[in-house]
Protein backbone atom coordinates (compact mmCIF):
# COMPACT_ATOMS: atom_id res chain seq x y z
CA UNK A 1 167.83 -162.76 -38.68
CA UNK A 2 168.50 -160.58 -35.66
CA UNK A 3 167.85 -161.45 -32.03
CA UNK A 4 166.13 -158.73 -30.00
CA UNK A 5 166.31 -159.00 -26.21
CA UNK A 6 164.08 -156.87 -24.00
CA UNK A 7 164.91 -155.85 -20.45
CA UNK A 8 162.96 -154.58 -17.42
CA UNK A 9 159.83 -152.58 -18.28
CA UNK A 10 160.29 -153.12 -22.03
CA UNK A 11 160.17 -156.91 -21.54
CA UNK A 12 157.09 -156.52 -19.37
CA UNK A 13 155.35 -154.37 -22.00
CA UNK A 14 156.36 -156.75 -24.81
CA UNK A 15 155.14 -159.78 -22.89
CA UNK A 16 158.24 -161.71 -23.98
CA UNK A 17 161.93 -161.55 -23.05
CA UNK A 18 163.22 -161.85 -26.61
CA UNK A 19 162.36 -162.59 -30.21
CA UNK A 20 164.09 -163.30 -33.50
CA UNK A 21 163.17 -161.08 -36.44
CA UNK A 22 163.95 -161.18 -40.16
CA UNK A 23 166.92 -159.11 -41.29
CA UNK A 24 166.91 -156.93 -44.38
CA UNK A 25 170.31 -156.08 -45.87
CA UNK A 26 171.35 -152.59 -44.79
CA UNK A 27 168.71 -152.33 -42.04
CA UNK A 28 169.48 -149.65 -39.48
CA UNK A 29 168.77 -149.59 -35.76
CA UNK A 30 166.26 -146.81 -36.42
CA UNK A 31 164.38 -148.92 -38.96
CA UNK A 32 164.26 -151.78 -36.49
CA UNK A 33 163.06 -149.42 -33.75
CA UNK A 34 160.24 -148.19 -36.04
CA UNK A 35 159.28 -151.75 -36.96
CA UNK A 36 159.12 -152.73 -33.30
CA UNK A 37 157.13 -149.62 -32.30
CA UNK A 38 154.55 -150.39 -34.99
CA UNK A 39 154.29 -154.05 -33.95
CA UNK A 40 152.89 -153.33 -30.48
CA UNK A 41 151.01 -150.08 -29.85
CA UNK A 42 150.66 -148.52 -26.41
CA UNK A 43 153.22 -148.75 -23.63
CA UNK A 44 155.65 -150.94 -25.58
CA UNK A 45 155.70 -148.46 -28.47
CA UNK A 46 156.24 -145.55 -26.08
CA UNK A 47 159.12 -147.33 -24.34
CA UNK A 48 160.75 -148.25 -27.65
CA UNK A 49 160.87 -144.55 -28.48
CA UNK A 50 162.94 -143.72 -25.39
CA UNK A 51 164.98 -146.89 -24.86
CA UNK A 52 168.67 -147.34 -25.60
CA UNK A 53 169.71 -149.93 -28.16
CA UNK A 54 172.88 -151.98 -27.90
CA UNK A 55 174.09 -153.82 -31.00
CA UNK A 56 176.31 -156.74 -30.06
CA UNK A 57 176.95 -155.04 -26.72
CA UNK A 58 177.82 -151.60 -28.13
CA UNK A 59 175.59 -148.52 -27.83
CA UNK A 60 173.96 -147.72 -31.18
CA UNK A 61 172.18 -144.71 -32.59
CA UNK A 62 169.39 -144.89 -35.15
CA UNK A 63 171.74 -144.66 -38.16
CA UNK A 64 173.82 -147.67 -37.09
CA UNK A 65 173.61 -150.39 -39.75
CA UNK A 66 172.83 -153.77 -38.20
CA UNK A 67 175.11 -156.67 -39.10
CA UNK A 68 173.55 -159.97 -40.09
CA UNK A 69 172.92 -162.08 -37.00
CA UNK A 70 173.16 -159.12 -34.63
CA UNK A 71 172.01 -159.28 -31.02
CA UNK A 72 170.02 -156.18 -30.13
CA UNK A 73 169.46 -155.33 -26.46
CA UNK A 74 166.65 -152.88 -25.68
CA UNK A 75 167.26 -151.06 -22.40
CA UNK A 76 164.67 -148.68 -20.94
CA UNK A 77 165.79 -145.51 -19.17
CA UNK A 78 167.08 -146.23 -15.68
CA UNK A 79 166.18 -144.18 -12.63
CA UNK A 80 168.46 -143.48 -9.73
CA UNK A 81 171.50 -141.48 -8.97
């Protein structure tokens, strides 16, 4: 299992702050991103495509392999300067 936590506009679009999902051995952050995008069409899917993923607090790209029991934070782009 992996815990996925949503923040800001992603949490609003998801309608939940977090969820626990099944883990498949060797699953990558990109595979998880695709799974999540397909689970909720519309705004949530769009935001998942442009959001940053942190795996156990460390920035991850789509080829990062997720460890069992990982905590995934989904952070939308931030505005400001």
